[in-house]
C-alpha atoms as a PDB file:
ATOM      1  CA  MET A   1     -15.805   7.832 -18.178  1.00  0.00           C
ATOM      2  CA  VAL A   2     -12.941   5.629 -16.972  1.00  0.00           C
ATOM      3  CA  LEU A   3     -10.933   8.625 -15.735  1.00  0.00           C
ATOM      4  CA  GLN A   4     -13.910  10.003 -13.878  1.00  0.00           C
ATOM      5  CA  THR A   5     -14.437   6.618 -12.224  1.00  0.00           C
ATOM      6  CA  VAL A   6     -10.782   6.432 -11.234  1.00  0.00           C
ATOM      7  CA  ARG A   7     -10.724   9.957  -9.842  1.00  0.00           C
ATOM      8  CA  THR A   8     -13.914   9.971  -7.790  1.00  0.00           C
ATOM      9  CA  HIS A   9     -14.232   6.300  -6.771  1.00  0.00           C
ATOM     10  CA  PHE A  10     -17.987   6.802  -6.920  1.00  0.00           C
ATOM     11  CA  LEU A  11     -18.661   3.212  -5.842  1.00  0.00           C
ATOM     12  CA  SER A  12     -17.881   4.178  -2.269  1.00  0.00           C
ATOM     13  CA  ALA A  13     -21.039   6.252  -2.134  1.00  0.00           C
ATOM     14  CA  PHE A  14     -23.279   3.210  -1.989  1.00  0.00           C
ATOM     15  CA  LEU A  15     -21.077   0.203  -1.180  1.00  0.00           C
ATOM     16  CA  ALA A  16     -18.526   1.358   1.384  1.00  0.00           C
ATOM     17  CA  ALA A  17     -19.461   2.187   4.937  1.00  0.00           C
ATOM     18  CA  PRO A  18     -18.161   5.637   5.946  1.00  0.00           C
ATOM     19  CA  ALA A  19     -14.831   5.590   7.718  1.00  0.00           C
ATOM     20  CA  VAL A  20     -14.829   6.286  11.457  1.00  0.00           C
ATOM     21  CA  LEU A  21     -13.787   9.889  12.082  1.00  0.00           C
ATOM     22  CA  ILE A  22     -11.932   9.301  15.341  1.00  0.00           C
ATOM     23  CA  LYS A  23      -8.407   9.605  16.659  1.00  0.00           C
ATOM     24  CA  PRO A  24      -8.104   6.773  19.173  1.00  0.00           C
ATOM     25  CA  GLU A  25      -5.322   7.670  21.593  1.00  0.00           C
ATOM     26  CA  THR A  26      -4.215   4.089  22.282  1.00  0.00           C
ATOM     27  CA  VAL A  27      -3.943   3.302  18.581  1.00  0.00           C
ATOM     28  CA  ARG A  28      -2.231   6.630  17.977  1.00  0.00           C
ATOM     29  CA  GLN A  29       0.417   6.065  20.647  1.00  0.00           C
ATOM     30  CA  LEU A  30       1.141   2.562  19.409  1.00  0.00           C
ATOM     31  CA  LEU A  31       1.505   3.624  15.786  1.00  0.00           C
ATOM     32  CA  ALA A  32       3.476   6.778  16.593  1.00  0.00           C
ATOM     33  CA  ALA A  33       6.081   4.640  18.365  1.00  0.00           C
ATOM     34  CA  GLN A  34       6.178   2.167  15.486  1.00  0.00           C
ATOM     35  CA  LEU A  35       6.454   4.850  12.796  1.00  0.00           C
ATOM     36  CA  THR A  36       9.311   6.706  14.438  1.00  0.00           C
ATOM     37  CA  GLY A  37      11.182   3.572  15.536  1.00  0.00           C
ATOM     38  CA  ALA A  38      10.876   1.528  12.345  1.00  0.00           C
ATOM     39  CA  CYS A  39      14.251   2.665  10.961  1.00  0.00           C
ATOM     40  CA  ASP A  40      16.177   3.736  14.056  1.00  0.00           C
ATOM     41  CA  TRP A  41      19.493   2.329  12.803  1.00  0.00           C
ATOM     42  CA  PRO A  42      22.114   3.990  10.574  1.00  0.00           C
ATOM     43  CA  ASP A  43      22.043   3.152   6.870  1.00  0.00           C
ATOM     44  CA  GLU A  44      24.103   5.332   4.551  1.00  0.00           C
ATOM     45  CA  GLN A  45      22.485   4.011   1.395  1.00  0.00           C
ATOM     46  CA  ARG A  46      18.920   4.427   2.659  1.00  0.00           C
ATOM     47  CA  ASP A  47      19.633   7.954   3.887  1.00  0.00           C
ATOM     48  CA  GLY A  48      21.420   8.782   0.630  1.00  0.00           C
ATOM     49  CA  LEU A  49      18.330   7.768  -1.330  1.00  0.00           C
ATOM     50  CA  VAL A  50      16.177   9.992   0.880  1.00  0.00           C
ATOM     51  CA  GLU A  51      18.455  12.965   0.258  1.00  0.00           C
ATOM     52  CA  ALA A  52      18.423  12.271  -3.487  1.00  0.00           C
ATOM     53  CA  ILE A  53      14.621  12.431  -3.467  1.00  0.00           C
ATOM     54  CA  ARG A  54      14.626  15.650  -1.455  1.00  0.00           C
ATOM     55  CA  GLY A  55      17.089  17.052  -3.980  1.00  0.00           C
ATOM     56  CA  ARG A  56      14.579  16.399  -6.772  1.00  0.00           C
ATOM     57  CA  TYR A  57      11.614  18.143  -5.159  1.00  0.00           C
ATOM     58  CA  GLY A  58      13.187  20.511  -2.651  1.00  0.00           C
ATOM     59  CA  ASP A  59      11.043  22.012   0.068  1.00  0.00           C
ATOM     60  CA  ARG A  60       7.860  20.730  -1.606  1.00  0.00           C
ATOM     61  CA  VAL A  61       8.474  17.352   0.085  1.00  0.00           C
ATOM     62  CA  GLN A  62       6.214  17.019   3.115  1.00  0.00           C
ATOM     63  CA  ALA A  63       7.210  13.512   4.176  1.00  0.00           C
ATOM     64  CA  ILE A  64       8.933  10.334   3.027  1.00  0.00           C
ATOM     65  CA  LEU A  65       7.666   6.965   4.272  1.00  0.00           C
ATOM     66  CA  ILE A  66       9.198   3.509   3.930  1.00  0.00           C
ATOM     67  CA  TYR A  67       7.345   0.187   3.841  1.00  0.00           C
ATOM     68  CA  GLY A  68       7.825  -3.332   2.540  1.00  0.00           C
ATOM     69  CA  SER A  69      10.524  -5.971   2.841  1.00  0.00           C
ATOM     70  CA  TYR A  70      13.292  -3.583   3.991  1.00  0.00           C
ATOM     71  CA  LEU A  71      11.527  -3.368   7.349  1.00  0.00           C
ATOM     72  CA  ARG A  72      11.642  -7.170   7.536  1.00  0.00           C
ATOM     73  CA  GLY A  73      15.417  -7.228   7.138  1.00  0.00           C
ATOM     74  CA  LYS A  74      15.688  -7.880   3.389  1.00  0.00           C
ATOM     75  CA  ARG A  75      18.518  -6.014   1.639  1.00  0.00           C
ATOM     76  CA  ASP A  76      18.505  -7.737  -1.769  1.00  0.00           C
ATOM     77  CA  THR A  77      15.746  -5.625  -3.222  1.00  0.00           C
ATOM     78  CA  LEU A  78      14.773  -2.085  -4.144  1.00  0.00           C
ATOM     79  CA  LEU A  79      13.605  -0.067  -1.179  1.00  0.00           C
ATOM     80  CA  ASP A  80       9.960   1.046  -1.218  1.00  0.00           C
ATOM     81  CA  PHE A  81       9.227   4.698  -0.412  1.00  0.00           C
ATOM     82  CA  TYR A  82       6.159   6.914  -0.449  1.00  0.00           C
ATOM     83  CA  VAL A  83       6.970  10.565  -1.169  1.00  0.00           C
ATOM     84  CA  LEU A  84       4.262  13.007  -0.107  1.00  0.00           C
ATOM     85  CA  LEU A  85       4.317  16.483  -1.637  1.00  0.00           C
ATOM     86  CA  ASP A  86       2.419  19.655  -0.828  1.00  0.00           C
ATOM     87  CA  GLY A  87       1.250  19.917  -4.443  1.00  0.00           C
ATOM     88  CA  TYR A  88       1.765  18.426  -7.887  1.00  0.00           C
ATOM     89  CA  ALA A  89       3.329  21.676  -9.106  1.00  0.00           C
ATOM     90  CA  ALA A  90       6.587  20.328  -7.653  1.00  0.00           C
ATOM     91  CA  MET A  91       6.746  17.849 -10.532  1.00  0.00           C
ATOM     92  CA  LYS A  92       8.747  19.071 -13.535  1.00  0.00           C
ATOM     93  CA  SER A  93       6.523  17.349 -16.085  1.00  0.00           C
ATOM     94  CA  ARG A  94       3.022  18.795 -16.374  1.00  0.00           C
ATOM     95  CA  TRP A  95       1.552  15.728 -18.082  1.00  0.00           C
ATOM     96  CA  GLN A  96       2.941  13.465 -15.374  1.00  0.00           C
ATOM     97  CA  ALA A  97       1.475  15.785 -12.741  1.00  0.00           C
ATOM     98  CA  VAL A  98      -1.912  15.380 -14.433  1.00  0.00           C
ATOM     99  CA  LEU A  99      -1.516  11.590 -14.353  1.00  0.00           C
ATOM    100  CA  ALA A 100      -0.670  11.727 -10.641  1.00  0.00           C
ATOM    101  CA  TRP A 101      -3.764  13.839  -9.992  1.00  0.00           C
ATOM    102  CA  LEU A 102      -6.018  11.510 -11.978  1.00  0.00           C
ATOM    103  CA  LEU A 103      -4.657   8.226 -10.623  1.00  0.00           C
ATOM    104  CA  SER A 104      -2.260   8.468  -7.691  1.00  0.00           C
ATOM    105  CA  PRO A 105       0.446   7.545  -7.155  1.00  0.00           C
ATOM    106  CA  ASN A 106       3.026   7.946  -9.903  1.00  0.00           C
ATOM    107  CA  VAL A 107       5.952   5.538  -9.487  1.00  0.00           C
ATOM    108  CA  TYR A 108       9.598   6.429 -10.123  1.00  0.00           C
ATOM    109  CA  GLN A 109      13.082   5.130  -9.412  1.00  0.00           C
ATOM    110  CA  VAL A 110      15.943   6.831  -7.582  1.00  0.00           C
ATOM    111  CA  ARG A 111      19.593   5.753  -7.281  1.00  0.00           C
ATOM    112  CA  PHE A 112      22.417   6.555  -4.890  1.00  0.00           C
ATOM    113  CA  GLY A 113      26.097   5.729  -5.242  1.00  0.00           C
ATOM    114  CA  GLU A 114      27.960   3.922  -7.993  1.00  0.00           C
ATOM    115  CA  PRO A 115      28.069   0.227  -8.992  1.00  0.00           C
ATOM    116  CA  PRO A 116      28.736  -2.244  -7.487  1.00  0.00           C
ATOM    117  CA  GLY A 117      27.635  -0.481  -4.292  1.00  0.00           C
ATOM    118  CA  GLU A 118      24.779   1.409  -5.919  1.00  0.00           C
ATOM    119  CA  ALA A 119      21.492   1.519  -4.003  1.00  0.00           C
ATOM    120  CA  ARG A 120      18.080   1.895  -5.633  1.00  0.00           C
ATOM    121  CA  ALA A 121      14.572   2.616  -4.488  1.00  0.00           C
ATOM    122  CA  LYS A 122      11.228   2.919  -6.168  1.00  0.00           C
ATOM    123  CA  TYR A 123       9.013   5.601  -4.783  1.00  0.00           C
ATOM    124  CA  ALA A 124       5.327   6.344  -5.120  1.00  0.00           C
ATOM    125  CA  LEU A 125       4.603  10.052  -5.473  1.00  0.00           C
ATOM    126  CA  MET A 126       1.416  11.841  -4.422  1.00  0.00           C
ATOM    127  CA  THR A 127       0.290  14.728  -2.258  1.00  0.00           C
ATOM    128  CA  LEU A 128      -0.149  14.453   1.482  1.00  0.00           C
ATOM    129  CA  GLY A 129      -3.730  15.633   1.162  1.00  0.00           C
ATOM    130  CA  ARG A 130      -4.585  12.902  -1.356  1.00  0.00           C
ATOM    131  CA  PHE A 131      -2.897  10.338   0.900  1.00  0.00           C
ATOM    132  CA  GLU A 132      -4.992  11.430   3.891  1.00  0.00           C
ATOM    133  CA  TYR A 133      -8.163  11.224   1.798  1.00  0.00           C
ATOM    134  CA  ALA A 134      -7.265   7.805   0.388  1.00  0.00           C
ATOM    135  CA  VAL A 135      -6.750   6.015   3.706  1.00  0.00           C
ATOM    136  CA  ARG A 136     -10.073   7.368   4.976  1.00  0.00           C
ATOM    137  CA  HIS A 137     -12.435   7.413   2.011  1.00  0.00           C
ATOM    138  CA  ASP A 138     -11.133   5.329  -0.905  1.00  0.00           C
ATOM    139  CA  PHE A 139     -13.346   2.376  -1.734  1.00  0.00           C
ATOM    140  CA  HIS A 140     -10.453   0.363  -3.094  1.00  0.00           C
ATOM    141  CA  SER A 141      -7.907  -1.091  -0.655  1.00  0.00           C
ATOM    142  CA  TYR A 142      -4.746   0.032  -2.474  1.00  0.00           C
ATOM    143  CA  PHE A 143      -3.734   2.617   0.136  1.00  0.00           C
ATOM    144  CA  TRP A 144      -5.361   1.684   3.429  1.00  0.00           C
ATOM    145  CA  ALA A 145      -4.339  -1.990   3.215  1.00  0.00           C
ATOM    146  CA  ARG A 146      -0.689  -1.082   2.600  1.00  0.00           C
ATOM    147  CA  PHE A 147      -0.496   1.374   5.456  1.00  0.00           C
ATOM    148  CA  ALA A 148      -2.397  -0.721   7.956  1.00  0.00           C
ATOM    149  CA  GLN A 149       0.828  -2.766   7.851  1.00  0.00           C
ATOM    150  CA  PRO A 150       4.037  -1.601   9.547  1.00  0.00           C
ATOM    151  CA  CYS A 151       5.804   1.322   7.911  1.00  0.00           C
ATOM    152  CA  GLY A 152       8.143   4.071   9.003  1.00  0.00           C
ATOM    153  CA  ILE A 153       8.726   7.820   8.706  1.00  0.00           C
ATOM    154  CA  LEU A 154      12.128   8.584   7.178  1.00  0.00           C
ATOM    155  CA  TYR A 155      11.559  12.322   6.847  1.00  0.00           C
ATOM    156  CA  SER A 156       8.891  14.832   7.809  1.00  0.00           C
ATOM    157  CA  ARG A 157       9.015  18.556   7.204  1.00  0.00           C
ATOM    158  CA  ASP A 158       7.979  19.412  10.761  1.00  0.00           C
ATOM    159  CA  ASP A 159       5.990  18.153  13.743  1.00  0.00           C
ATOM    160  CA  ILE A 160       2.707  19.268  12.191  1.00  0.00           C
ATOM    161  CA  VAL A 161       3.327  17.038   9.172  1.00  0.00           C
ATOM    162  CA  LYS A 162       4.464  14.182  11.415  1.00  0.00           C
ATOM    163  CA  ASN A 163       1.226  14.387  13.388  1.00  0.00           C
ATOM    164  CA  ARG A 164      -0.774  14.325  10.152  1.00  0.00           C
ATOM    165  CA  ILE A 165       1.102  11.215   9.048  1.00  0.00           C
ATOM    166  CA  VAL A 166       0.468   9.446  12.353  1.00  0.00           C
ATOM    167  CA  ALA A 167      -3.235  10.332  12.135  1.00  0.00           C
ATOM    168  CA  ALA A 168      -3.406   9.034   8.547  1.00  0.00           C
ATOM    169  CA  ILE A 169      -1.752   5.721   9.455  1.00  0.00           C
ATOM    170  CA  CYS A 170      -4.165   5.365  12.370  1.00  0.00           C
ATOM    171  CA  GLN A 171      -7.023   5.896   9.939  1.00  0.00           C
ATOM    172  CA  ALA A 172      -5.619   3.266   7.554  1.00  0.00           C
ATOM    173  CA  SER A 173      -5.784   0.664  10.340  1.00  0.00           C
ATOM    174  CA  ILE A 174      -9.313   1.748  11.265  1.00  0.00           C
ATOM    175  CA  THR A 175     -10.498   1.560   7.649  1.00  0.00           C
ATOM    176  CA  PHE A 176      -8.902  -1.880   7.272  1.00  0.00           C
ATOM    177  CA  ALA A 177     -10.759  -3.197  10.337  1.00  0.00           C
ATOM    178  CA  GLU A 178     -14.054  -1.628   9.222  1.00  0.00           C
ATOM    179  CA  ARG A 179     -13.905  -3.235   5.791  1.00  0.00           C
ATOM    180  CA  VAL A 180     -12.516  -6.648   6.824  1.00  0.00           C
ATOM    181  CA  VAL A 181     -14.308  -7.574  10.068  1.00  0.00           C
ATOM    182  CA  PRO A 182     -17.734  -8.016   8.375  1.00  0.00           C
ATOM    183  CA  ARG A 183     -16.144 -10.771   6.254  1.00  0.00           C
ATOM    184  CA  LEU A 184     -14.997 -12.747   9.317  1.00  0.00           C
ATOM    185  CA  PRO A 185     -16.900 -15.411  11.270  1.00  0.00           C
ATOM    186  CA  GLU A 186     -18.707 -14.624  14.489  1.00  0.00           C
ATOM    187  CA  ARG A 187     -15.598 -15.496  16.490  1.00  0.00           C
ATOM    188  CA  PHE A 188     -12.027 -14.889  15.286  1.00  0.00           C
ATOM    189  CA  ASP A 189      -8.488 -14.204  16.463  1.00  0.00           C
ATOM    190  CA  THR A 190      -5.883 -11.613  15.483  1.00  0.00           C
ATOM    191  CA  LYS A 191      -4.114 -13.742  12.901  1.00  0.00           C
ATOM    192  CA  GLN A 192      -7.403 -14.539  11.176  1.00  0.00           C
ATOM    193  CA  LEU A 193      -8.249 -10.849  10.948  1.00  0.00           C
ATOM    194  CA  TRP A 194      -4.977  -9.883   9.289  1.00  0.00           C
ATOM    195  CA  THR A 195      -4.374 -12.906   7.080  1.00  0.00           C
ATOM    196  CA  THR A 196      -7.966 -12.898   5.831  1.00  0.00           C
ATOM    197  CA  GLY A 197      -7.931  -9.147   5.328  1.00  0.00           C
ATOM    198  CA  LEU A 198      -4.632  -9.054   3.485  1.00  0.00           C
ATOM    199  CA  GLY A 199      -5.717 -12.050   1.407  1.00  0.00           C
ATOM    200  CA  LEU A 200      -8.851 -10.160   0.376  1.00  0.00           C
ATOM    201  CA  THR A 201      -6.832  -7.125  -0.631  1.00  0.00           C
ATOM    202  CA  TYR A 202      -4.391  -9.239  -2.672  1.00  0.00           C
ATOM    203  CA  GLN A 203      -7.353 -10.396  -4.757  1.00  0.00           C
ATOM    204  CA  CYS A 204      -8.044  -6.756  -5.599  1.00  0.00           C
ATOM    205  CA  GLU A 205      -4.714  -6.238  -7.388  1.00  0.00           C
ATOM    206  CA  PHE A 206      -2.336  -8.116  -9.663  1.00  0.00           C
ATOM    207  CA  ARG A 207      -0.184  -9.957  -7.122  1.00  0.00           C
ATOM    208  CA  SER A 208       2.696 -12.371  -7.634  1.00  0.00           C
ATOM    209  CA  GLU A 209       2.954 -13.403  -3.959  1.00  0.00           C
ATOM    210  CA  PRO A 210       1.710 -16.896  -3.027  1.00  0.00           C
ATOM    211  CA  GLY A 211      -1.374 -17.305  -0.854  1.00  0.00           C
ATOM    212  CA  SER A 212       0.783 -17.947   2.206  1.00  0.00           C
ATOM    213  CA  HIS A 213       2.425 -14.524   2.028  1.00  0.00           C
ATOM    214  CA  ALA A 214      -0.107 -12.859   4.341  1.00  0.00           C
ATOM    215  CA  GLY A 215       0.642 -15.418   7.034  1.00  0.00           C
ATOM    216  CA  LYS A 216       4.371 -14.735   6.741  1.00  0.00           C
ATOM    217  CA  LEU A 217       3.780 -11.016   7.172  1.00  0.00           C
ATOM    218  CA  PHE A 218       1.772 -11.647  10.319  1.00  0.00           C
ATOM    219  CA  ASP A 219       4.343 -14.074  11.730  1.00  0.00           C
ATOM    220  CA  TYR A 220       7.070 -11.443  11.414  1.00  0.00           C
ATOM    221  CA  TRP A 221       5.224  -8.958  13.670  1.00  0.00           C
ATOM    222  CA  PRO A 222       2.719 -11.025  15.697  1.00  0.00           C
ATOM    223  CA  GLU A 223       2.898  -8.939  18.884  1.00  0.00           C
ATOM    224  CA  TYR A 224       2.547  -5.704  16.960  1.00  0.00           C
ATOM    225  CA  TYR A 225      -0.596  -6.954  15.231  1.00  0.00           C
ATOM    226  CA  ARG A 226      -2.025  -8.310  18.498  1.00  0.00           C
ATOM    227  CA  SER A 227      -1.485  -5.002  20.288  1.00  0.00           C
ATOM    228  CA  LEU A 228      -2.987  -3.038  17.395  1.00  0.00           C
ATOM    229  CA  THR A 229      -6.026  -5.327  17.095  1.00  0.00           C
ATOM    230  CA  LEU A 230      -6.733  -5.105  20.808  1.00  0.00           C
ATOM    231  CA  ALA A 231      -6.545  -1.299  20.622  1.00  0.00           C
ATOM    232  CA  LEU A 232      -8.853  -1.216  17.592  1.00  0.00           C
ATOM    233  CA  ALA A 233     -11.358  -3.503  19.329  1.00  0.00           C
ATOM    234  CA  ALA A 234     -11.910  -0.809  21.950  1.00  0.00           C
ATOM    235  CA  GLU A 235     -12.939   1.783  19.374  1.00  0.00           C
ATOM    236  CA  GLY A 236     -16.423   0.633  18.365  1.00  0.00           C
ATOM    237  CA  LEU A 237     -15.511  -0.864  15.008  1.00  0.00           C
ATOM    238  CA  GLY A 238     -17.974  -3.766  15.129  1.00  0.00           C
ATOM    239  CA  PHE A 239     -15.950  -6.245  17.160  1.00  0.00           C
ATOM    240  CA  GLU A 240     -14.939  -6.647  20.781  1.00  0.00           C
ATOM    241  CA  PRO A 241     -12.540  -8.789  22.830  1.00  0.00           C
ATOM    242  CA  GLU A 242     -13.731 -11.984  24.497  1.00  0.00           C
ATOM    243  CA  ASP A 243     -12.594 -13.415  27.803  1.00  0.00           C
ATOM    244  CA  GLU A 244     -10.215 -15.798  26.054  1.00  0.00           C
ATOM    245  CA  ALA A 245      -6.969 -14.058  25.186  1.00  0.00           C
ATOM    246  CA  ASP A 246      -6.550 -12.910  21.571  1.00  0.00           C
ATOM    247  CA  HIS A 247     -10.119 -13.803  20.600  1.00  0.00           C
ATOM    248  CA  PHE A 248     -12.817 -11.413  19.432  1.00  0.00           C
ATOM    249  CA  ARG A 249     -16.539 -11.447  18.746  1.00  0.00           C
ATOM    250  CA  ASN A 250     -17.914 -10.046  15.508  1.00  0.00           C
ATOM    251  CA  ARG A 251     -20.912  -7.767  16.198  1.00  0.00           C
ATOM    252  CA  HIS A 252     -21.909  -7.088  12.595  1.00  0.00           C
ATOM    253  CA  ASP A 253     -25.378  -8.272  11.597  1.00  0.00           C
ATOM    254  CA  GLN A 254     -26.154 -10.493   8.604  1.00  0.00           C
ATOM    255  CA  ARG A 255     -27.257  -7.592   6.416  1.00  0.00           C
ATOM    256  CA  THR A 256     -23.928  -5.846   6.908  1.00  0.00           C
ATOM    257  CA  ARG A 257     -22.026  -9.056   6.167  1.00  0.00           C
ATOM    258  CA  LYS A 258     -23.907  -9.647   2.913  1.00  0.00           C
ATOM    259  CA  ARG A 259     -23.351  -6.049   1.874  1.00  0.00           C
ATOM    260  CA  SER A 260     -19.658  -6.442   2.654  1.00  0.00           C
ATOM    261  CA  GLY A 261     -19.464  -9.511   0.413  1.00  0.00           C
ATOM    262  CA  VAL A 262     -20.857  -7.489  -2.494  1.00  0.00           C
ATOM    263  CA  SER A 263     -18.426  -4.669  -1.745  1.00  0.00           C
ATOM    264  CA  TRP A 264     -15.411  -6.966  -1.865  1.00  0.00           C
ATOM    265  CA  TRP A 265     -16.587  -8.498  -5.157  1.00  0.00           C
ATOM    266  CA  VAL A 266     -16.901  -5.042  -6.714  1.00  0.00           C
ATOM    267  CA  ARG A 267     -13.571  -4.051  -5.160  1.00  0.00           C
ATOM    268  CA  ARG A 268     -11.901  -6.975  -6.955  1.00  0.00           C
ATOM    269  CA  VAL A 269     -13.340  -5.947 -10.317  1.00  0.00           C
ATOM    270  CA  GLN A 270     -12.429  -2.320  -9.752  1.00  0.00           C
ATOM    271  CA  GLY A 271      -8.954  -3.335  -8.600  1.00  0.00           C
ATOM    272  CA  LYS A 272      -8.110  -5.180 -11.811  1.00  0.00           C
ATOM    273  CA  ILE A 273      -9.054  -2.097 -13.826  1.00  0.00           C
ATOM    274  CA  LEU A 274      -7.035   0.220 -11.582  1.00  0.00           C
ATOM    275  CA  SER A 275      -4.055  -2.165 -11.594  1.00  0.00           C
ATOM    276  CA  THR A 276      -4.062  -2.266 -15.401  1.00  0.00           C
ATOM    277  CA  LEU A 277      -4.182   1.533 -15.597  1.00  0.00           C
ATOM    278  CA  ARG A 278      -1.388   1.866 -13.046  1.00  0.00           C
ATOM    279  CA  LEU A 279       0.774  -0.590 -14.991  1.00  0.00           C
ATOM    280  CA  LEU A 280       0.262   1.440 -18.158  1.00  0.00           C
ATOM    281  CA  LYS A 281       1.115   4.631 -16.302  1.00  0.00           C
ATOM    282  CA  ALA A 282       4.211   3.117 -14.678  1.00  0.00           C
ATOM    283  CA  ALA A 283       5.475   2.020 -18.089  1.00  0.00           C
ATOM    284  CA  ALA A 284       5.588   5.693 -19.042  1.00  0.00           C
ATOM    285  CA  THR A 285       7.143   7.035 -15.829  1.00  0.00           C
ATOM    286  CA  PHE A 286       9.354   4.286 -14.365  1.00  0.00           C
ATOM    287  CA  ASP A 287      12.889   3.664 -15.665  1.00  0.00           C
ATOM    288  CA  ASP A 288      13.290   0.113 -17.017  1.00  0.00           C
ATOM    289  CA  ALA A 289       9.715  -0.616 -15.942  1.00  0.00           C
ATOM    290  CA  LEU A 290       9.382  -3.985 -17.682  1.00  0.00           C
ATOM    291  CA  ASP A 291      12.653  -5.382 -16.301  1.00  0.00           C
ATOM    292  CA  TYR A 292      11.675  -4.311 -12.795  1.00  0.00           C
ATOM    293  CA  LEU A 293       8.232  -5.900 -13.138  1.00  0.00           C
ATOM    294  CA  LEU A 294       9.682  -9.183 -14.428  1.00  0.00           C
ATOM    295  CA  TRP A 295      12.294  -9.221 -11.653  1.00  0.00           C
ATOM    296  CA  LYS A 296       9.618  -8.718  -9.000  1.00  0.00           C
ATOM    297  CA  ILE A 297       7.386 -11.425 -10.495  1.00  0.00           C
ATOM    298  CA  GLN A 298      10.311 -13.862 -10.569  1.00  0.00           C
ATOM    299  CA  ARG A 299      11.295 -12.989  -6.999  1.00  0.00           C
ATOM    300  CA  HIS A 300       7.836 -13.847  -5.666  1.00  0.00           C
ATOM    301  CA  SER A 301       6.754 -16.646  -7.993  1.00  0.00           C
ATOM    302  CA  GLY A 302       9.952 -18.125  -9.454  1.00  0.00           C
ATOM    303  CA  VAL A 303       8.570 -17.690 -12.980  1.00  0.00           C
ATOM    304  CA  PHE A 304      10.568 -15.727 -15.576  1.00  0.00           C
ATOM    305  CA  ILE A 305      10.314 -15.187 -19.324  1.00  0.00           C
ATOM    306  CA  GLU A 306      13.001 -13.215 -21.137  1.00  0.00           C
ATOM    307  CA  PRO A 307      11.542 -10.168 -22.938  1.00  0.00           C
ATOM    308  CA  SER A 308      12.563  -9.180 -26.434  1.00  0.00           C
ATOM    309  CA  ARG A 309      14.415  -5.954 -27.195  1.00  0.00           C
ATOM    310  CA  LEU A 310      11.242  -4.544 -28.744  1.00  0.00           C
ATOM    311  CA  GLN A 311       9.224  -5.366 -25.601  1.00  0.00           C
ATOM    312  CA  ARG A 312      11.816  -3.645 -23.419  1.00  0.00           C
ATOM    313  CA  ARG A 313      11.819  -0.548 -25.607  1.00  0.00           C
ATOM    314  CA  TYR A 314       8.047  -0.234 -26.043  1.00  0.00           C
ATOM    315  CA  PRO A 315       6.453  -2.167 -23.151  1.00  0.00           C
ATOM    316  CA  VAL A 316       3.050  -0.484 -23.348  1.00  0.00           C
ATOM    317  CA  VAL A 317       2.608  -1.648 -26.954  1.00  0.00           C
ATOM    318  CA  PHE A 318       4.454  -4.959 -27.160  1.00  0.00           C
ATOM    319  CA  ALA A 319       4.727  -6.468 -23.643  1.00  0.00           C
ATOM    320  CA  TRP A 320       1.136  -7.709 -23.382  1.00  0.00           C
ATOM    321  CA  PRO A 321       1.741 -11.177 -24.924  1.00  0.00           C
ATOM    322  CA  LEU A 322       4.600 -11.658 -22.468  1.00  0.00           C
ATOM    323  CA  LEU A 323       2.426 -10.721 -19.485  1.00  0.00           C
ATOM    324  CA  ILE A 324      -0.369 -13.013 -20.685  1.00  0.00           C
ATOM    325  CA  ARG A 325       2.108 -15.913 -20.895  1.00  0.00           C
ATOM    326  CA  LEU A 326       3.293 -15.182 -17.343  1.00  0.00           C
ATOM    327  CA  TRP A 327      -0.307 -15.049 -16.101  1.00  0.00           C
ATOM    328  CA  ARG A 328      -1.048 -18.423 -17.728  1.00  0.00           C
ATOM    329  CA  LYS A 329       1.989 -19.874 -15.952  1.00  0.00           C
ATOM    330  CA  GLY A 330       0.574 -18.685 -12.614  1.00  0.00           C
ATOM    331  CA  ALA A 331       3.185 -15.963 -12.075  1.00  0.00           C
ATOM    332  CA  PHE A 332       0.537 -13.540 -10.773  1.00  0.00           C
ATOM    333  CA  ARG A 333      -3.191 -13.454 -10.074  1.00  0.00           C
END
């Protein structure tokens, strides 16, 4: 029952408005420029990690995307990649391929170089087709909220794949606006759209970032978000620009707003279940999963508890008391 729920996301059939099936040219041009220019500087370690991933999966790799703090200039962390395959048969482990099919993505780690100059990245693995479906149709915000934010293309097999990626990222932004705008007041500005929207999506996962994190993300790329919001406002997504610069009017009626409130409540409940399942899955696929999780929690919240040797060795079985203690200390929500 749980696996069927995870796979089909049946809640979208009656709670989520259908995504807009359009390819807005203004949005497309803006995002195409951002995607191709996000990493237009040389980085031997980053490129070495990309080649290491391609070496694992060969010509089954359709595209490799990068997102997260690396694009904001941080170099003291693992890089965050999305690896999009043409099929799960590229994975060497059949049971892990089944897990990826049931609950995408699987998360792994890749390394390049030798200590002390070793570089690491964690990468989420799924098929390109599942990625395209997720940013358009998934009820939960896991995919479309991430990729409505700036990201970059590090590798694409060919121009056809690149165009599919650009279209999918466009759709992620459209889906984000569709789901978030009904939760906004009658009049709002760009920052309110993105900080409110990202704040809503954080409530749908286990997050260690403080409440102010969404504002920091916006403040790093304010002009990008303003240009994107203005382009989205011209596409019939339930809001339109006003005469005053950077202000918009919400055209959704009260019925739609109430329905949206119910959707976001259900999305939060669903998200906690999905997050728990993904944590269990990552413990089985990710190298040193518990240490990475504790490091990330400490990095965002400042809270750390040293795990025991038994918890490190068998995190799925023995790490739960540790995570409960961290949650009680406010390390994540």
